[in-house]
Amino acid sequence: MTGLRILSFCIGIIIMLPMIAVSLWGFNMTQWVNNEVARNDAILNDAAVIPDAMPMPTNPLDWLRSRADLRDTFTRDEITSDRIVVVQEIIDDTDLLRPGETLPDPVFLELYANARAPARLIAYCPDVLSAIGTACDVLRSEVRENRNGKLVLTGHLGFRPVAVLGDPSKVQEGVLISGRVELPYSGDLRPANEPASRIKAMQDAQAICDQLRRQYGNCVLSRVSFDIDELWITDLEVLPPGTNPQRLRTSATFKVYADSATLDHLSLMEQLHEMAKRS
């Protein structure tokens, strides 16, 4: 093949394969193209030195597509149920009403609440987008009544991650290892259930995941859970007026695809607890 024909062939490959210009694979592919053209020109011109052949890079996305168990965890171009933020809202049943509405018959209240829940819970997506996501949606919601007669709305928000997840295809004989840790807080009170608290917690969790990615080559923040505790009246009496009675307990779950000889669940948990202390 002439140098022009090889160059045309290589350019065709580049055109057919998406995101090559912005990915590590794209960079390697460009190097391979340049090397093939240089080799061909050297051969045609009887050059004294001919560059060594390079293996054609493989697209890591092809490897990921063949691994259904990893695809939903590591794909970055869509929202999946393997990456979620769990949020809660504790409200009175009347909080579900729009202006001018009255509560339905009690027998229909649960259905009514479940119908209204997604619209309320999607309001937490801006927090996710401010911290760890480029897209967010309510994947699932549920409603229950707590012991005080209030409604507890729980939403599973799926998100498309803004973070670099790493390349699991580089791991030989890997297994997906998961670990969960509760995030620490300062002071005597848990953080208030407010946007600033939720955003900071997600940022802290992502920072932990970034450390793991630098160490093992990949990490996915697969779940951040916000559980709400409400302070009792007796607790609020000794606190400044206007103190938010709803306080957050936050936990985060991380997934790393690693060689089992390098990392296991116990060692991951030990690292997570140490990292969380320093966050």
C-alpha atoms as a PDB file:
ATOM      1  CA  MET A   1       0.000   0.000   0.000  1.00  0.00           C
ATOM      2  CA  THR A   2       1.257   3.512  -0.703  1.00  0.00           C
ATOM      3  CA  GLY A   3       1.767   6.025   2.043  1.00  0.00           C
ATOM      4  CA  LEU A   4      -1.278   7.940   0.808  1.00  0.00           C
ATOM      5  CA  ARG A   5      -3.465   4.842   0.882  1.00  0.00           C
ATOM      6  CA  ILE A   6      -2.357   3.964   4.432  1.00  0.00           C
ATOM      7  CA  LEU A   7      -2.944   7.533   5.530  1.00  0.00           C
ATOM      8  CA  SER A   8      -6.443   7.466   3.999  1.00  0.00           C
ATOM      9  CA  PHE A   9      -7.162   4.150   5.725  1.00  0.00           C
ATOM     10  CA  CYS A  10      -6.059   5.509   9.081  1.00  0.00           C
ATOM     11  CA  ILE A  11      -8.033   8.725   8.677  1.00  0.00           C
ATOM     12  CA  GLY A  12     -11.083   6.589   7.916  1.00  0.00           C
ATOM     13  CA  ILE A  13     -10.626   4.775  11.208  1.00  0.00           C
ATOM     14  CA  ILE A  14     -10.397   8.053  13.050  1.00  0.00           C
ATOM     15  CA  ILE A  15     -13.579   9.364  11.483  1.00  0.00           C
ATOM     16  CA  MET A  16     -15.528   6.227  12.321  1.00  0.00           C
ATOM     17  CA  LEU A  17     -14.543   6.078  16.004  1.00  0.00           C
ATOM     18  CA  PRO A  18     -16.096   8.764  18.262  1.00  0.00           C
ATOM     19  CA  MET A  19     -14.387  10.897  20.868  1.00  0.00           C
ATOM     20  CA  ILE A  20     -10.911   9.902  19.650  1.00  0.00           C
ATOM     21  CA  ALA A  21      -9.633  13.457  19.840  1.00  0.00           C
ATOM     22  CA  VAL A  22     -10.424  13.822  23.545  1.00  0.00           C
ATOM     23  CA  SER A  23      -9.672  10.375  24.907  1.00  0.00           C
ATOM     24  CA  LEU A  24      -6.481   8.644  25.887  1.00  0.00           C
ATOM     25  CA  TRP A  25      -7.311   5.988  23.347  1.00  0.00           C
ATOM     26  CA  GLY A  26      -7.586   8.724  20.710  1.00  0.00           C
ATOM     27  CA  PHE A  27      -4.130   9.991  21.622  1.00  0.00           C
ATOM     28  CA  ASN A  28      -2.686   6.471  21.327  1.00  0.00           C
ATOM     29  CA  MET A  29      -4.516   5.968  18.049  1.00  0.00           C
ATOM     30  CA  THR A  30      -2.988   9.144  16.642  1.00  0.00           C
ATOM     31  CA  GLN A  31       0.456   7.913  17.621  1.00  0.00           C
ATOM     32  CA  TRP A  32      -0.230   4.603  15.880  1.00  0.00           C
ATOM     33  CA  VAL A  33      -1.383   6.400  12.709  1.00  0.00           C
ATOM     34  CA  ASN A  34       1.728   8.579  12.642  1.00  0.00           C
ATOM     35  CA  ASN A  35       3.964   5.574  13.229  1.00  0.00           C
ATOM     36  CA  GLU A  36       2.322   3.553  10.426  1.00  0.00           C
ATOM     37  CA  VAL A  37       2.709   6.417   7.959  1.00  0.00           C
ATOM     38  CA  ALA A  38       6.350   6.922   8.978  1.00  0.00           C
ATOM     39  CA  ARG A  39       7.056   3.190   8.613  1.00  0.00           C
ATOM     40  CA  ASN A  40       5.464   3.052   5.183  1.00  0.00           C
ATOM     41  CA  ASP A  41       7.369   6.106   3.955  1.00  0.00           C
ATOM     42  CA  ALA A  42      10.641   4.669   5.275  1.00  0.00           C
ATOM     43  CA  ILE A  43      10.042   1.347   3.508  1.00  0.00           C
ATOM     44  CA  LEU A  44       9.128   3.018   0.196  1.00  0.00           C
ATOM     45  CA  ASN A  45      12.188   5.258   0.351  1.00  0.00           C
ATOM     46  CA  ASP A  46      14.593   2.489   1.380  1.00  0.00           C
ATOM     47  CA  ALA A  47      15.481   4.390   4.521  1.00  0.00           C
ATOM     48  CA  ALA A  48      18.359   3.124   6.651  1.00  0.00           C
ATOM     49  CA  VAL A  49      16.206   3.165   9.775  1.00  0.00           C
ATOM     50  CA  ILE A  50      12.618   1.887   9.765  1.00  0.00           C
ATOM     51  CA  PRO A  51      10.469   2.615  12.842  1.00  0.00           C
ATOM     52  CA  ASP A  52       9.351  -0.419  14.799  1.00  0.00           C
ATOM     53  CA  ALA A  53       5.747  -1.503  14.333  1.00  0.00           C
ATOM     54  CA  MET A  54       3.302  -0.538  17.084  1.00  0.00           C
ATOM     55  CA  PRO A  55       0.247  -2.631  18.015  1.00  0.00           C
ATOM     56  CA  MET A  56      -2.993  -0.969  17.009  1.00  0.00           C
ATOM     57  CA  PRO A  57      -4.677   0.402  20.172  1.00  0.00           C
ATOM     58  CA  THR A  58      -8.006  -1.093  21.167  1.00  0.00           C
ATOM     59  CA  ASN A  59     -10.946   1.063  22.119  1.00  0.00           C
ATOM     60  CA  PRO A  60     -11.594   0.672  25.891  1.00  0.00           C
ATOM     61  CA  LEU A  61     -15.295   1.281  25.244  1.00  0.00           C
ATOM     62  CA  ASP A  62     -15.420  -1.931  23.215  1.00  0.00           C
ATOM     63  CA  TRP A  63     -14.113  -3.822  26.220  1.00  0.00           C
ATOM     64  CA  LEU A  64     -16.647  -2.129  28.468  1.00  0.00           C
ATOM     65  CA  ARG A  65     -19.566  -2.961  26.180  1.00  0.00           C
ATOM     66  CA  SER A  66     -18.664  -6.624  26.432  1.00  0.00           C
ATOM     67  CA  ARG A  67     -18.771  -6.479  30.235  1.00  0.00           C
ATOM     68  CA  ALA A  68     -22.410  -5.999  31.167  1.00  0.00           C
ATOM     69  CA  ASP A  69     -21.508  -6.202  34.865  1.00  0.00           C
ATOM     70  CA  LEU A  70     -19.323  -3.107  34.544  1.00  0.00           C
ATOM     71  CA  ARG A  71     -21.026  -1.101  31.818  1.00  0.00           C
ATOM     72  CA  ASP A  72     -23.662   0.579  33.997  1.00  0.00           C
ATOM     73  CA  THR A  73     -21.031   1.418  36.602  1.00  0.00           C
ATOM     74  CA  PHE A  74     -18.362   2.902  34.339  1.00  0.00           C
ATOM     75  CA  THR A  75     -20.240   4.362  31.389  1.00  0.00           C
ATOM     76  CA  ARG A  76     -20.148   8.162  31.565  1.00  0.00           C
ATOM     77  CA  ASP A  77     -22.554   9.022  28.764  1.00  0.00           C
ATOM     78  CA  GLU A  78     -25.827   8.041  30.422  1.00  0.00           C
ATOM     79  CA  ILE A  79     -27.702   7.909  33.722  1.00  0.00           C
ATOM     80  CA  THR A  80     -27.811   4.433  35.252  1.00  0.00           C
ATOM     81  CA  SER A  81     -29.150   2.898  38.462  1.00  0.00           C
ATOM     82  CA  ASP A  82     -25.582   1.960  39.450  1.00  0.00           C
ATOM     83  CA  ARG A  83     -24.816   5.595  40.344  1.00  0.00           C
ATOM     84  CA  ILE A  84     -27.366   7.261  42.597  1.00  0.00           C
ATOM     85  CA  VAL A  85     -27.847   9.924  45.222  1.00  0.00           C
ATOM     86  CA  VAL A  86     -30.519   8.995  47.776  1.00  0.00           C
ATOM     87  CA  VAL A  87     -32.342  11.989  49.231  1.00  0.00           C
ATOM     88  CA  GLN A  88     -35.065  12.256  51.854  1.00  0.00           C
ATOM     89  CA  GLU A  89     -37.712  14.786  52.654  1.00  0.00           C
ATOM     90  CA  ILE A  90     -39.876  14.773  55.798  1.00  0.00           C
ATOM     91  CA  ILE A  91     -43.066  16.779  55.382  1.00  0.00           C
ATOM     92  CA  ASP A  92     -46.620  17.148  56.624  1.00  0.00           C
ATOM     93  CA  ASP A  93     -49.256  15.721  54.306  1.00  0.00           C
ATOM     94  CA  THR A  94     -50.574  19.249  53.702  1.00  0.00           C
ATOM     95  CA  ASP A  95     -47.191  20.191  52.192  1.00  0.00           C
ATOM     96  CA  LEU A  96     -48.150  18.105  49.170  1.00  0.00           C
ATOM     97  CA  LEU A  97     -51.018  20.431  48.339  1.00  0.00           C
ATOM     98  CA  ARG A  98     -50.948  23.126  45.725  1.00  0.00           C
ATOM     99  CA  PRO A  99     -52.782  26.406  46.372  1.00  0.00           C
ATOM    100  CA  GLY A 100     -56.518  25.830  46.550  1.00  0.00           C
ATOM    101  CA  GLU A 101     -56.251  22.040  46.929  1.00  0.00           C
ATOM    102  CA  THR A 102     -57.590  19.936  49.782  1.00  0.00           C
ATOM    103  CA  LEU A 103     -56.331  16.592  51.007  1.00  0.00           C
ATOM    104  CA  PRO A 104     -57.860  13.531  49.391  1.00  0.00           C
ATOM    105  CA  ASP A 105     -59.686  10.842  51.306  1.00  0.00           C
ATOM    106  CA  PRO A 106     -57.154   9.169  53.682  1.00  0.00           C
ATOM    107  CA  VAL A 107     -57.495   5.895  51.785  1.00  0.00           C
ATOM    108  CA  PHE A 108     -56.041   7.622  48.716  1.00  0.00           C
ATOM    109  CA  LEU A 109     -53.351   9.648  50.498  1.00  0.00           C
ATOM    110  CA  GLU A 110     -50.547   7.180  49.809  1.00  0.00           C
ATOM    111  CA  LEU A 111     -51.349   7.094  46.098  1.00  0.00           C
ATOM    112  CA  TYR A 112     -51.574  10.882  46.088  1.00  0.00           C
ATOM    113  CA  ALA A 113     -48.229  11.248  47.855  1.00  0.00           C
ATOM    114  CA  ASN A 114     -46.494   8.800  45.526  1.00  0.00           C
ATOM    115  CA  ALA A 115     -47.795  10.692  42.527  1.00  0.00           C
ATOM    116  CA  ARG A 116     -46.485  14.005  43.876  1.00  0.00           C
ATOM    117  CA  ALA A 117     -43.146  12.708  45.191  1.00  0.00           C
ATOM    118  CA  PRO A 118     -41.072  12.742  41.962  1.00  0.00           C
ATOM    119  CA  ALA A 119     -41.870  16.394  41.269  1.00  0.00           C
ATOM    120  CA  ARG A 120     -40.744  17.338  44.789  1.00  0.00           C
ATOM    121  CA  LEU A 121     -37.633  15.169  44.800  1.00  0.00           C
ATOM    122  CA  ILE A 122     -36.281  16.338  41.451  1.00  0.00           C
ATOM    123  CA  ALA A 123     -35.755  19.681  43.176  1.00  0.00           C
ATOM    124  CA  TYR A 124     -32.654  18.090  44.740  1.00  0.00           C
ATOM    125  CA  CYS A 125     -31.027  17.582  41.335  1.00  0.00           C
ATOM    126  CA  PRO A 126     -29.429  21.068  41.325  1.00  0.00           C
ATOM    127  CA  ASP A 127     -27.379  19.960  44.354  1.00  0.00           C
ATOM    128  CA  VAL A 128     -26.149  16.936  42.401  1.00  0.00           C
ATOM    129  CA  LEU A 129     -25.325  19.056  39.360  1.00  0.00           C
ATOM    130  CA  SER A 130     -23.414  21.531  41.536  1.00  0.00           C
ATOM    131  CA  ALA A 131     -21.251  18.769  43.007  1.00  0.00           C
ATOM    132  CA  ILE A 132     -20.825  15.590  40.974  1.00  0.00           C
ATOM    133  CA  GLY A 133     -23.127  15.406  37.950  1.00  0.00           C
ATOM    134  CA  THR A 134     -23.702  16.719  34.440  1.00  0.00           C
ATOM    135  CA  ALA A 135     -27.257  15.329  34.292  1.00  0.00           C
ATOM    136  CA  CYS A 136     -29.717  14.148  36.939  1.00  0.00           C
ATOM    137  CA  ASP A 137     -33.153  12.553  37.119  1.00  0.00           C
ATOM    138  CA  VAL A 138     -35.445  10.762  39.572  1.00  0.00           C
ATOM    139  CA  LEU A 139     -35.143   7.036  38.919  1.00  0.00           C
ATOM    140  CA  ARG A 140     -37.353   5.863  41.780  1.00  0.00           C
ATOM    141  CA  SER A 141     -39.304   7.328  44.666  1.00  0.00           C
ATOM    142  CA  GLU A 142     -41.207   5.962  47.634  1.00  0.00           C
ATOM    143  CA  VAL A 143     -43.314   7.343  50.466  1.00  0.00           C
ATOM    144  CA  ARG A 144     -43.894   6.111  54.016  1.00  0.00           C
ATOM    145  CA  GLU A 145     -45.309   7.522  57.244  1.00  0.00           C
ATOM    146  CA  ASN A 146     -42.984   7.903  60.216  1.00  0.00           C
ATOM    147  CA  ARG A 147     -43.840   7.474  63.893  1.00  0.00           C
ATOM    148  CA  ASN A 148     -44.748  11.149  64.187  1.00  0.00           C
ATOM    149  CA  GLY A 149     -47.370  10.898  61.471  1.00  0.00           C
ATOM    150  CA  LYS A 150     -45.278  12.785  58.918  1.00  0.00           C
ATOM    151  CA  LEU A 151     -44.559  11.661  55.373  1.00  0.00           C
ATOM    152  CA  VAL A 152     -41.025  10.540  54.503  1.00  0.00           C
ATOM    153  CA  LEU A 153     -40.293  10.910  50.799  1.00  0.00           C
ATOM    154  CA  THR A 154     -37.245   9.041  49.519  1.00  0.00           C
ATOM    155  CA  GLY A 155     -35.833   9.569  46.052  1.00  0.00           C
ATOM    156  CA  HIS A 156     -33.152   7.757  44.085  1.00  0.00           C
ATOM    157  CA  LEU A 157     -31.548  10.334  41.822  1.00  0.00           C
ATOM    158  CA  GLY A 158     -29.517   8.911  38.972  1.00  0.00           C
ATOM    159  CA  PHE A 159     -26.717  11.083  37.657  1.00  0.00           C
ATOM    160  CA  ARG A 160     -24.236  11.245  34.825  1.00  0.00           C
ATOM    161  CA  PRO A 161     -20.848  11.798  36.475  1.00  0.00           C
ATOM    162  CA  VAL A 162     -18.666  14.794  35.805  1.00  0.00           C
ATOM    163  CA  ALA A 163     -15.631  13.025  37.284  1.00  0.00           C
ATOM    164  CA  VAL A 164     -13.113  10.938  35.413  1.00  0.00           C
ATOM    165  CA  LEU A 165     -13.791   7.322  36.383  1.00  0.00           C
ATOM    166  CA  GLY A 166     -10.578   5.722  35.137  1.00  0.00           C
ATOM    167  CA  ASP A 167     -10.018   2.816  32.769  1.00  0.00           C
ATOM    168  CA  PRO A 168     -10.980  -0.612  34.178  1.00  0.00           C
ATOM    169  CA  SER A 169      -9.828  -2.334  30.974  1.00  0.00           C
ATOM    170  CA  LYS A 170      -6.232  -1.973  32.158  1.00  0.00           C
ATOM    171  CA  VAL A 171      -6.863  -4.301  35.102  1.00  0.00           C
ATOM    172  CA  GLN A 172      -6.033  -7.945  34.542  1.00  0.00           C
ATOM    173  CA  GLU A 173      -8.202 -10.533  36.335  1.00  0.00           C
ATOM    174  CA  GLY A 174     -10.115  -7.754  38.053  1.00  0.00           C
ATOM    175  CA  VAL A 175     -13.096  -7.882  40.385  1.00  0.00           C
ATOM    176  CA  LEU A 176     -15.490  -5.073  41.304  1.00  0.00           C
ATOM    177  CA  ILE A 177     -14.918  -4.231  44.961  1.00  0.00           C
ATOM    178  CA  SER A 178     -17.384  -2.084  46.871  1.00  0.00           C
ATOM    179  CA  GLY A 179     -17.038  -0.222  50.164  1.00  0.00           C
ATOM    180  CA  ARG A 180     -19.309   2.094  52.157  1.00  0.00           C
ATOM    181  CA  VAL A 181     -18.308   4.662  54.743  1.00  0.00           C
ATOM    182  CA  GLU A 182     -20.171   7.257  56.787  1.00  0.00           C
ATOM    183  CA  LEU A 183     -18.837  10.749  56.202  1.00  0.00           C
ATOM    184  CA  PRO A 184     -17.677  12.621  59.307  1.00  0.00           C
ATOM    185  CA  TYR A 185     -18.882  16.005  60.479  1.00  0.00           C
ATOM    186  CA  SER A 186     -17.572  18.681  62.812  1.00  0.00           C
ATOM    187  CA  GLY A 187     -19.226  20.136  65.889  1.00  0.00           C
ATOM    188  CA  ASP A 188     -21.841  18.731  68.203  1.00  0.00           C
ATOM    189  CA  LEU A 189     -24.670  18.700  65.648  1.00  0.00           C
ATOM    190  CA  ARG A 190     -24.846  16.819  62.408  1.00  0.00           C
ATOM    191  CA  PRO A 191     -24.998  19.105  59.343  1.00  0.00           C
ATOM    192  CA  ALA A 192     -28.316  20.778  58.667  1.00  0.00           C
ATOM    193  CA  ASN A 193     -30.452  19.427  55.840  1.00  0.00           C
ATOM    194  CA  GLU A 194     -29.592  22.308  53.528  1.00  0.00           C
ATOM    195  CA  PRO A 195     -28.144  22.569  49.992  1.00  0.00           C
ATOM    196  CA  ALA A 196     -24.715  23.689  51.212  1.00  0.00           C
ATOM    197  CA  SER A 197     -24.424  20.640  53.478  1.00  0.00           C
ATOM    198  CA  ARG A 198     -25.483  18.212  50.752  1.00  0.00           C
ATOM    199  CA  ILE A 199     -23.192  19.738  48.138  1.00  0.00           C
ATOM    200  CA  LYS A 200     -20.171  19.671  50.458  1.00  0.00           C
ATOM    201  CA  ALA A 201     -20.830  16.036  51.391  1.00  0.00           C
ATOM    202  CA  MET A 202     -20.940  14.985  47.739  1.00  0.00           C
ATOM    203  CA  GLN A 203     -17.769  16.934  46.992  1.00  0.00           C
ATOM    204  CA  ASP A 204     -16.015  15.299  49.956  1.00  0.00           C
ATOM    205  CA  ALA A 205     -17.132  11.867  48.762  1.00  0.00           C
ATOM    206  CA  GLN A 206     -15.859  12.547  45.259  1.00  0.00           C
ATOM    207  CA  ALA A 207     -12.522  13.706  46.651  1.00  0.00           C
ATOM    208  CA  ILE A 208     -12.157  10.323  48.369  1.00  0.00           C
ATOM    209  CA  CYS A 209     -12.968   8.569  45.108  1.00  0.00           C
ATOM    210  CA  ASP A 210     -10.383  10.679  43.282  1.00  0.00           C
ATOM    211  CA  GLN A 211      -7.747   9.472  45.731  1.00  0.00           C
ATOM    212  CA  LEU A 212      -8.720   5.861  45.078  1.00  0.00           C
ATOM    213  CA  ARG A 213      -8.615   6.414  41.319  1.00  0.00           C
ATOM    214  CA  ARG A 214      -5.097   7.799  41.522  1.00  0.00           C
ATOM    215  CA  GLN A 215      -4.048   4.729  43.488  1.00  0.00           C
ATOM    216  CA  TYR A 216      -5.867   1.951  41.597  1.00  0.00           C
ATOM    217  CA  GLY A 217      -6.525   3.501  38.190  1.00  0.00           C
ATOM    218  CA  ASN A 218     -10.311   3.748  38.571  1.00  0.00           C
ATOM    219  CA  CYS A 219     -13.058   4.566  41.062  1.00  0.00           C
ATOM    220  CA  VAL A 220     -16.784   5.215  40.858  1.00  0.00           C
ATOM    221  CA  LEU A 221     -18.809   7.088  43.448  1.00  0.00           C
ATOM    222  CA  SER A 222     -21.776   4.763  43.156  1.00  0.00           C
ATOM    223  CA  ARG A 223     -24.026   6.015  45.954  1.00  0.00           C
ATOM    224  CA  VAL A 224     -24.387   8.936  48.306  1.00  0.00           C
ATOM    225  CA  SER A 225     -27.174   8.534  50.875  1.00  0.00           C
ATOM    226  CA  PHE A 226     -28.680  11.388  52.884  1.00  0.00           C
ATOM    227  CA  ASP A 227     -30.700  10.169  55.867  1.00  0.00           C
ATOM    228  CA  ILE A 228     -32.563  12.708  57.961  1.00  0.00           C
ATOM    229  CA  ASP A 229     -32.851  12.785  61.746  1.00  0.00           C
ATOM    230  CA  GLU A 230     -35.191  15.311  63.341  1.00  0.00           C
ATOM    231  CA  LEU A 231     -34.255  16.929  66.634  1.00  0.00           C
ATOM    232  CA  TRP A 232     -36.735  16.656  69.481  1.00  0.00           C
ATOM    233  CA  ILE A 233     -38.399  19.715  70.960  1.00  0.00           C
ATOM    234  CA  THR A 234     -36.258  19.312  74.083  1.00  0.00           C
ATOM    235  CA  ASP A 235     -33.134  19.410  71.898  1.00  0.00           C
ATOM    236  CA  LEU A 236     -34.255  22.554  70.102  1.00  0.00           C
ATOM    237  CA  GLU A 237     -35.017  24.362  73.370  1.00  0.00           C
ATOM    238  CA  VAL A 238     -31.306  24.641  74.201  1.00  0.00           C
ATOM    239  CA  LEU A 239     -30.273  25.627  70.674  1.00  0.00           C
ATOM    240  CA  PRO A 240     -30.403  29.083  69.045  1.00  0.00           C
ATOM    241  CA  PRO A 241     -33.833  30.093  67.711  1.00  0.00           C
ATOM    242  CA  GLY A 242     -34.353  29.104  64.089  1.00  0.00           C
ATOM    243  CA  THR A 243     -32.048  26.066  64.239  1.00  0.00           C
ATOM    244  CA  ASN A 244     -32.992  23.634  61.474  1.00  0.00           C
ATOM    245  CA  PRO A 245     -34.404  20.556  63.251  1.00  0.00           C
ATOM    246  CA  GLN A 246     -33.542  18.281  60.325  1.00  0.00           C
ATOM    247  CA  ARG A 247     -29.955  16.969  60.431  1.00  0.00           C
ATOM    248  CA  LEU A 248     -28.125  14.813  57.904  1.00  0.00           C
ATOM    249  CA  ARG A 249     -26.425  11.449  58.265  1.00  0.00           C
ATOM    250  CA  THR A 250     -24.412  10.975  55.099  1.00  0.00           C
ATOM    251  CA  SER A 251     -22.785   7.824  53.771  1.00  0.00           C
ATOM    252  CA  ALA A 252     -21.015   7.124  50.499  1.00  0.00           C
ATOM    253  CA  THR A 253     -20.385   3.920  48.577  1.00  0.00           C
ATOM    254  CA  PHE A 254     -17.397   3.499  46.264  1.00  0.00           C
ATOM    255  CA  LYS A 255     -16.592   0.884  43.649  1.00  0.00           C
ATOM    256  CA  VAL A 256     -13.104   0.009  42.421  1.00  0.00           C
ATOM    257  CA  TYR A 257     -12.274  -2.544  39.741  1.00  0.00           C
ATOM    258  CA  ALA A 258      -9.019  -4.090  40.905  1.00  0.00           C
ATOM    259  CA  ASP A 259      -6.962  -7.246  40.989  1.00  0.00           C
ATOM    260  CA  SER A 260      -8.057  -9.194  44.069  1.00  0.00           C
ATOM    261  CA  ALA A 261      -4.382  -9.718  44.902  1.00  0.00           C
ATOM    262  CA  THR A 262      -4.006  -5.934  45.156  1.00  0.00           C
ATOM    263  CA  LEU A 263      -7.239  -4.967  46.870  1.00  0.00           C
ATOM    264  CA  ASP A 264     -10.042  -6.686  48.759  1.00  0.00           C
ATOM    265  CA  HIS A 265     -13.136  -5.481  50.610  1.00  0.00           C
ATOM    266  CA  LEU A 266     -11.447  -5.347  54.006  1.00  0.00           C
ATOM    267  CA  SER A 267      -8.462  -3.317  52.822  1.00  0.00           C
ATOM    268  CA  LEU A 268     -10.755  -0.970  50.874  1.00  0.00           C
ATOM    269  CA  MET A 269     -12.854  -0.377  53.985  1.00  0.00           C
ATOM    270  CA  GLU A 270      -9.736   0.369  56.031  1.00  0.00           C
ATOM    271  CA  GLN A 271      -8.615   2.925  53.466  1.00  0.00           C
ATOM    272  CA  LEU A 272     -12.059   4.500  53.266  1.00  0.00           C
ATOM    273  CA  HIS A 273     -12.254   5.027  57.015  1.00  0.00           C
ATOM    274  CA  GLU A 274      -8.804   6.656  57.049  1.00  0.00           C
ATOM    275  CA  MET A 275      -9.636   8.845  54.044  1.00  0.00           C
ATOM    276  CA  ALA A 276     -12.953   9.872  55.567  1.00  0.00           C
ATOM    277  CA  LYS A 277     -11.234  10.996  58.767  1.00  0.00           C
ATOM    278  CA  ARG A 278      -9.020  13.314  56.725  1.00  0.00           C
ATOM    279  CA  SER A 279     -11.821  14.722  54.545  1.00  0.00           C
END
